[in-house]
Structure formats: structure tokens, C-alpha cells
Amino acid sequence: MNDFNLQDGIDDKISTLLEKHIIFLKNNRYDVSSAQEKEFTNLKSIVAVEKENGISSAK
């Protein structure tokens, strides 16, 4: 059984994951373009809207 509860603070978890991903890319000398940062921001927004609408579910 998966102990990871997707419903608890999913927006915070995804925001943190994306922020760490950007830091990882920069620390490993990958160029993170403004387009990529915008895409990450859009992903966070989509998740927040889905959470508000009760769409988020783990399968």
C-alpha cells in the first residue's frame, strides 16, 4: 500500500518539488529558461485549480 497521501498539501508538495528541480538543474549547470520556469508555474496553477475542484485523485 502506498503511504503517500496525495490529498494532503499536494500544491505545496508539487511547488516544493518543482523548486527543488529548478535548483537541481541550475546546480548541475543546466540552463533553466524563462519558458521552463513559466511552464513550472503553469503546472502549479493547474494542480491548484484541480485541487479546488476536487479533481485530484491517486490511481
PDB file of N, CA and C in Angstrom:
ATOM      1  N   MET A   1       0.854  -1.192   0.000  1.00  0.00           N
ATOM      2  CA  MET A   1       0.000   0.000   0.000  1.00  0.00           C
ATOM      3  C   MET A   1       0.891   1.244   0.000  1.00  0.00           C
ATOM      4  N   ASN A   2       0.471   2.228  -0.726  1.00  0.00           N
ATOM      5  CA  ASN A   2       1.223   3.477  -0.821  1.00  0.00           C
ATOM      6  C   ASN A   2       0.826   4.392   0.334  1.00  0.00           C
ATOM      7  N   ASP A   3       1.808   4.783   1.153  1.00  0.00           N
ATOM      8  CA  ASP A   3       1.531   5.646   2.303  1.00  0.00           C
ATOM      9  C   ASP A   3       1.508   7.122   1.942  1.00  0.00           C
ATOM     10  N   PHE A   4       1.826   7.442   0.705  1.00  0.00           N
ATOM     11  CA  PHE A   4       1.854   8.842   0.275  1.00  0.00           C
ATOM     12  C   PHE A   4       0.429   9.317   0.046  1.00  0.00           C
ATOM     13  N   ASN A   5      -0.016  10.281   0.856  1.00  0.00           N
ATOM     14  CA  ASN A   5      -1.368  10.810   0.727  1.00  0.00           C
ATOM     15  C   ASN A   5      -1.350  11.976  -0.243  1.00  0.00           C
ATOM     16  N   LEU A   6      -1.936  11.777  -1.401  1.00  0.00           N
ATOM     17  CA  LEU A   6      -1.907  12.780  -2.459  1.00  0.00           C
ATOM     18  C   LEU A   6      -2.730  14.014  -2.104  1.00  0.00           C
ATOM     19  N   GLN A   7      -3.732  13.846  -1.259  1.00  0.00           N
ATOM     20  CA  GLN A   7      -4.639  14.957  -0.967  1.00  0.00           C
ATOM     21  C   GLN A   7      -4.062  15.953   0.036  1.00  0.00           C
ATOM     22  N   ASP A   8      -3.135  15.527   0.882  1.00  0.00           N
ATOM     23  CA  ASP A   8      -2.601  16.406   1.922  1.00  0.00           C
ATOM     24  C   ASP A   8      -1.558  17.353   1.358  1.00  0.00           C
ATOM     25  N   GLY A   9      -1.927  18.605   1.167  1.00  0.00           N
ATOM     26  CA  GLY A   9      -0.984  19.630   0.752  1.00  0.00           C
ATOM     27  C   GLY A   9      -0.316  19.365  -0.580  1.00  0.00           C
ATOM     28  N   ILE A  10      -1.072  18.819  -1.520  1.00  0.00           N
ATOM     29  CA  ILE A  10      -0.468  18.461  -2.812  1.00  0.00           C
ATOM     30  C   ILE A  10       0.125  19.673  -3.515  1.00  0.00           C
ATOM     31  N   ASP A  11      -0.530  20.816  -3.416  1.00  0.00           N
ATOM     32  CA  ASP A  11       0.006  22.001  -4.086  1.00  0.00           C
ATOM     33  C   ASP A  11       1.354  22.397  -3.490  1.00  0.00           C
ATOM     34  N   ASP A  12       1.478  22.290  -2.168  1.00  0.00           N
ATOM     35  CA  ASP A  12       2.763  22.596  -1.527  1.00  0.00           C
ATOM     36  C   ASP A  12       3.833  21.589  -1.925  1.00  0.00           C
ATOM     37  N   LYS A  13       3.447  20.316  -1.982  1.00  0.00           N
ATOM     38  CA  LYS A  13       4.409  19.275  -2.348  1.00  0.00           C
ATOM     39  C   LYS A  13       4.914  19.479  -3.767  1.00  0.00           C
ATOM     40  N   ILE A  14       4.010  19.793  -4.683  1.00  0.00           N
ATOM     41  CA  ILE A  14       4.413  19.990  -6.073  1.00  0.00           C
ATOM     42  C   ILE A  14       5.236  21.262  -6.213  1.00  0.00           C
ATOM     43  N   SER A  15       4.844  22.323  -5.538  1.00  0.00           N
ATOM     44  CA  SER A  15       5.626  23.561  -5.577  1.00  0.00           C
ATOM     45  C   SER A  15       7.046  23.315  -5.087  1.00  0.00           C
ATOM     46  N   THR A  16       7.163  22.601  -3.971  1.00  0.00           N
ATOM     47  CA  THR A  16       8.481  22.297  -3.420  1.00  0.00           C
ATOM     48  C   THR A  16       9.287  21.441  -4.385  1.00  0.00           C
ATOM     49  N   LEU A  17       8.643  20.433  -4.962  1.00  0.00           N
ATOM     50  CA  LEU A  17       9.323  19.555  -5.916  1.00  0.00           C
ATOM     51  C   LEU A  17       9.825  20.338  -7.122  1.00  0.00           C
ATOM     52  N   LEU A  18       8.995  21.214  -7.665  1.00  0.00           N
ATOM     53  CA  LEU A  18       9.402  21.996  -8.830  1.00  0.00           C
ATOM     54  C   LEU A  18      10.528  22.966  -8.480  1.00  0.00           C
ATOM     55  N   GLU A  19      10.448  23.577  -7.311  1.00  0.00           N
ATOM     56  CA  GLU A  19      11.524  24.482  -6.887  1.00  0.00           C
ATOM     57  C   GLU A  19      12.844  23.723  -6.740  1.00  0.00           C
ATOM     58  N   LYS A  20      12.783  22.530  -6.138  1.00  0.00           N
ATOM     59  CA  LYS A  20      13.996  21.719  -5.985  1.00  0.00           C
ATOM     60  C   LYS A  20      14.522  21.281  -7.344  1.00  0.00           C
ATOM     61  N   HIS A  21      13.624  20.998  -8.267  1.00  0.00           N
ATOM     62  CA  HIS A  21      14.025  20.594  -9.616  1.00  0.00           C
ATOM     63  C   HIS A  21      14.773  21.732 -10.317  1.00  0.00           C
ATOM     64  N   ILE A  22      14.260  22.948 -10.198  1.00  0.00           N
ATOM     65  CA  ILE A  22      14.929  24.111 -10.804  1.00  0.00           C
ATOM     66  C   ILE A  22      16.315  24.290 -10.185  1.00  0.00           C
ATOM     67  N   ILE A  23      16.404  24.188  -8.854  1.00  0.00           N
ATOM     68  CA  ILE A  23      17.701  24.318  -8.176  1.00  0.00           C
ATOM     69  C   ILE A  23      18.651  23.221  -8.642  1.00  0.00           C
ATOM     70  N   PHE A  24      18.133  21.991  -8.755  1.00  0.00           N
ATOM     71  CA  PHE A  24      18.966  20.880  -9.229  1.00  0.00           C
ATOM     72  C   PHE A  24      19.510  21.164 -10.619  1.00  0.00           C
ATOM     73  N   LEU A  25      18.645  21.617 -11.504  1.00  0.00           N
ATOM     74  CA  LEU A  25      19.081  21.902 -12.875  1.00  0.00           C
ATOM     75  C   LEU A  25      20.157  22.986 -12.892  1.00  0.00           C
ATOM     76  N   LYS A  26      19.932  24.040 -12.124  1.00  0.00           N
ATOM     77  CA  LYS A  26      20.905  25.135 -12.087  1.00  0.00           C
ATOM     78  C   LYS A  26      22.226  24.683 -11.461  1.00  0.00           C
ATOM     79  N   ASN A  27      22.156  23.895 -10.395  1.00  0.00           N
ATOM     80  CA  ASN A  27      23.373  23.415  -9.728  1.00  0.00           C
ATOM     81  C   ASN A  27      24.167  22.462 -10.609  1.00  0.00           C
ATOM     82  N   ASN A  28      23.491  21.803 -11.519  1.00  0.00           N
ATOM     83  CA  ASN A  28      24.167  20.866 -12.414  1.00  0.00           C
ATOM     84  C   ASN A  28      24.422  21.494 -13.783  1.00  0.00           C
ATOM     85  N   ARG A  29      24.445  22.814 -13.787  1.00  0.00           N
ATOM     86  CA  ARG A  29      24.827  23.615 -14.954  1.00  0.00           C
ATOM     87  C   ARG A  29      23.884  23.478 -16.153  1.00  0.00           C
ATOM     88  N   TYR A  30      22.643  23.122 -15.877  1.00  0.00           N
ATOM     89  CA  TYR A  30      21.641  23.159 -16.938  1.00  0.00           C
ATOM     90  C   TYR A  30      21.062  24.566 -16.959  1.00  0.00           C
ATOM     91  N   ASP A  31      20.806  25.065 -18.119  1.00  0.00           N
ATOM     92  CA  ASP A  31      20.208  26.388 -18.233  1.00  0.00           C
ATOM     93  C   ASP A  31      18.695  26.247 -18.127  1.00  0.00           C
ATOM     94  N   VAL A  32      18.114  26.872 -17.116  1.00  0.00           N
ATOM     95  CA  VAL A  32      16.667  26.848 -16.946  1.00  0.00           C
ATOM     96  C   VAL A  32      16.128  28.123 -17.582  1.00  0.00           C
ATOM     97  N   SER A  33      15.469  27.951 -18.695  1.00  0.00           N
ATOM     98  CA  SER A  33      14.975  29.115 -19.427  1.00  0.00           C
ATOM     99  C   SER A  33      13.746  29.701 -18.741  1.00  0.00           C
ATOM    100  N   SER A  34      13.439  30.929 -19.092  1.00  0.00           N
ATOM    101  CA  SER A  34      12.239  31.558 -18.536  1.00  0.00           C
ATOM    102  C   SER A  34      10.997  30.810 -19.004  1.00  0.00           C
ATOM    103  N   ALA A  35      11.052  30.216 -20.193  1.00  0.00           N
ATOM    104  CA  ALA A  35       9.914  29.431 -20.688  1.00  0.00           C
ATOM    105  C   ALA A  35       9.686  28.205 -19.801  1.00  0.00           C
ATOM    106  N   GLN A  36      10.770  27.554 -19.372  1.00  0.00           N
ATOM    107  CA  GLN A  36      10.637  26.400 -18.485  1.00  0.00           C
ATOM    108  C   GLN A  36      10.098  26.820 -17.125  1.00  0.00           C
ATOM    109  N   GLU A  37      10.586  27.941 -16.607  1.00  0.00           N
ATOM    110  CA  GLU A  37      10.081  28.414 -15.319  1.00  0.00           C
ATOM    111  C   GLU A  37       8.598  28.754 -15.423  1.00  0.00           C
ATOM    112  N   LYS A  38       8.193  29.338 -16.552  1.00  0.00           N
ATOM    113  CA  LYS A  38       6.779  29.651 -16.764  1.00  0.00           C
ATOM    114  C   LYS A  38       5.957  28.366 -16.835  1.00  0.00           C
ATOM    115  N   GLU A  39       6.505  27.339 -17.489  1.00  0.00           N
ATOM    116  CA  GLU A  39       5.800  26.060 -17.580  1.00  0.00           C
ATOM    117  C   GLU A  39       5.611  25.452 -16.193  1.00  0.00           C
ATOM    118  N   PHE A  40       6.651  25.523 -15.339  1.00  0.00           N
ATOM    119  CA  PHE A  40       6.531  25.012 -13.981  1.00  0.00           C
ATOM    120  C   PHE A  40       5.447  25.778 -13.216  1.00  0.00           C
ATOM    121  N   THR A  41       5.413  27.086 -13.389  1.00  0.00           N
ATOM    122  CA  THR A  41       4.395  27.902 -12.730  1.00  0.00           C
ATOM    123  C   THR A  41       3.004  27.507 -13.208  1.00  0.00           C
ATOM    124  N   ASN A  42       2.863  27.274 -14.513  1.00  0.00           N
ATOM    125  CA  ASN A  42       1.577  26.844 -15.064  1.00  0.00           C
ATOM    126  C   ASN A  42       1.153  25.501 -14.485  1.00  0.00           C
ATOM    127  N   LEU A  43       2.098  24.574 -14.331  1.00  0.00           N
ATOM    128  CA  LEU A  43       1.778  23.272 -13.741  1.00  0.00           C
ATOM    129  C   LEU A  43       1.255  23.435 -12.321  1.00  0.00           C
ATOM    130  N   LYS A  44       1.904  24.302 -11.543  1.00  0.00           N
ATOM    131  CA  LYS A  44       1.457  24.534 -10.172  1.00  0.00           C
ATOM    132  C   LYS A  44       0.044  25.119 -10.166  1.00  0.00           C
ATOM    133  N   SER A  45      -0.252  26.009 -11.109  1.00  0.00           N
ATOM    134  CA  SER A  45      -1.579  26.620 -11.187  1.00  0.00           C
ATOM    135  C   SER A  45      -2.636  25.587 -11.544  1.00  0.00           C
ATOM    136  N   ILE A  46      -2.304  24.712 -12.485  1.00  0.00           N
ATOM    137  CA  ILE A  46      -3.251  23.663 -12.901  1.00  0.00           C
ATOM    138  C   ILE A  46      -3.575  22.751 -11.723  1.00  0.00           C
ATOM    139  N   VAL A  47      -2.554  22.357 -10.973  1.00  0.00           N
ATOM    140  CA  VAL A  47      -2.771  21.484  -9.818  1.00  0.00           C
ATOM    141  C   VAL A  47      -3.637  22.184  -8.778  1.00  0.00           C
ATOM    142  N   ALA A  48      -3.391  23.464  -8.544  1.00  0.00           N
ATOM    143  CA  ALA A  48      -4.179  24.209  -7.559  1.00  0.00           C
ATOM    144  C   ALA A  48      -5.643  24.260  -7.970  1.00  0.00           C
ATOM    145  N   VAL A  49      -5.912  24.487  -9.249  1.00  0.00           N
ATOM    146  CA  VAL A  49      -7.295  24.539  -9.738  1.00  0.00           C
ATOM    147  C   VAL A  49      -7.944  23.170  -9.617  1.00  0.00           C
ATOM    148  N   GLU A  50      -7.213  22.115  -9.991  1.00  0.00           N
ATOM    149  CA  GLU A  50      -7.761  20.765  -9.884  1.00  0.00           C
ATOM    150  C   GLU A  50      -8.076  20.420  -8.432  1.00  0.00           C
ATOM    151  N   LYS A  51      -7.208  20.843  -7.532  1.00  0.00           N
ATOM    152  CA  LYS A  51      -7.443  20.566  -6.115  1.00  0.00           C
ATOM    153  C   LYS A  51      -8.711  21.279  -5.644  1.00  0.00           C
ATOM    154  N   GLU A  52      -8.875  22.539  -6.034  1.00  0.00           N
ATOM    155  CA  GLU A  52     -10.067  23.301  -5.645  1.00  0.00           C
ATOM    156  C   GLU A  52     -11.334  22.653  -6.177  1.00  0.00           C
ATOM    157  N   ASN A  53     -11.250  22.075  -7.372  1.00  0.00           N
ATOM    158  CA  ASN A  53     -12.418  21.456  -7.989  1.00  0.00           C
ATOM    159  C   ASN A  53     -12.599  19.999  -7.577  1.00  0.00           C
ATOM    160  N   GLY A  54     -11.704  19.498  -6.744  1.00  0.00           N
ATOM    161  CA  GLY A  54     -11.826  18.125  -6.273  1.00  0.00           C
ATOM    162  C   GLY A  54     -11.491  17.089  -7.324  1.00  0.00           C
ATOM    163  N   ILE A  55     -10.698  17.467  -8.326  1.00  0.00           N
ATOM    164  CA  ILE A  55     -10.387  16.554  -9.422  1.00  0.00           C
ATOM    165  C   ILE A  55      -9.203  15.655  -9.073  1.00  0.00           C
ATOM    166  N   SER A  56      -8.298  16.115  -8.230  1.00  0.00           N
ATOM    167  CA  SER A  56      -7.083  15.357  -7.922  1.00  0.00           C
ATOM    168  C   SER A  56      -7.429  13.994  -7.336  1.00  0.00           C
ATOM    169  N   SER A  57      -6.825  12.967  -7.886  1.00  0.00           N
ATOM    170  CA  SER A  57      -7.019  11.625  -7.343  1.00  0.00           C
ATOM    171  C   SER A  57      -5.801  10.780  -7.646  1.00  0.00           C
ATOM    172  N   ALA A  58      -5.526   9.841  -6.780  1.00  0.00           N
ATOM    173  CA  ALA A  58      -4.396   8.929  -6.990  1.00  0.00           C
ATOM    174  C   ALA A  58      -4.915   7.646  -7.615  1.00  0.00           C
ATOM    175  N   LYS A  59      -4.247   7.207  -8.652  1.00  0.00           N
ATOM    176  CA  LYS A  59      -4.664   5.963  -9.312  1.00  0.00           C
ATOM    177  C   LYS A  59      -3.495   5.037  -9.402  1.00  0.00           C
TER     178      LYS A  59
END
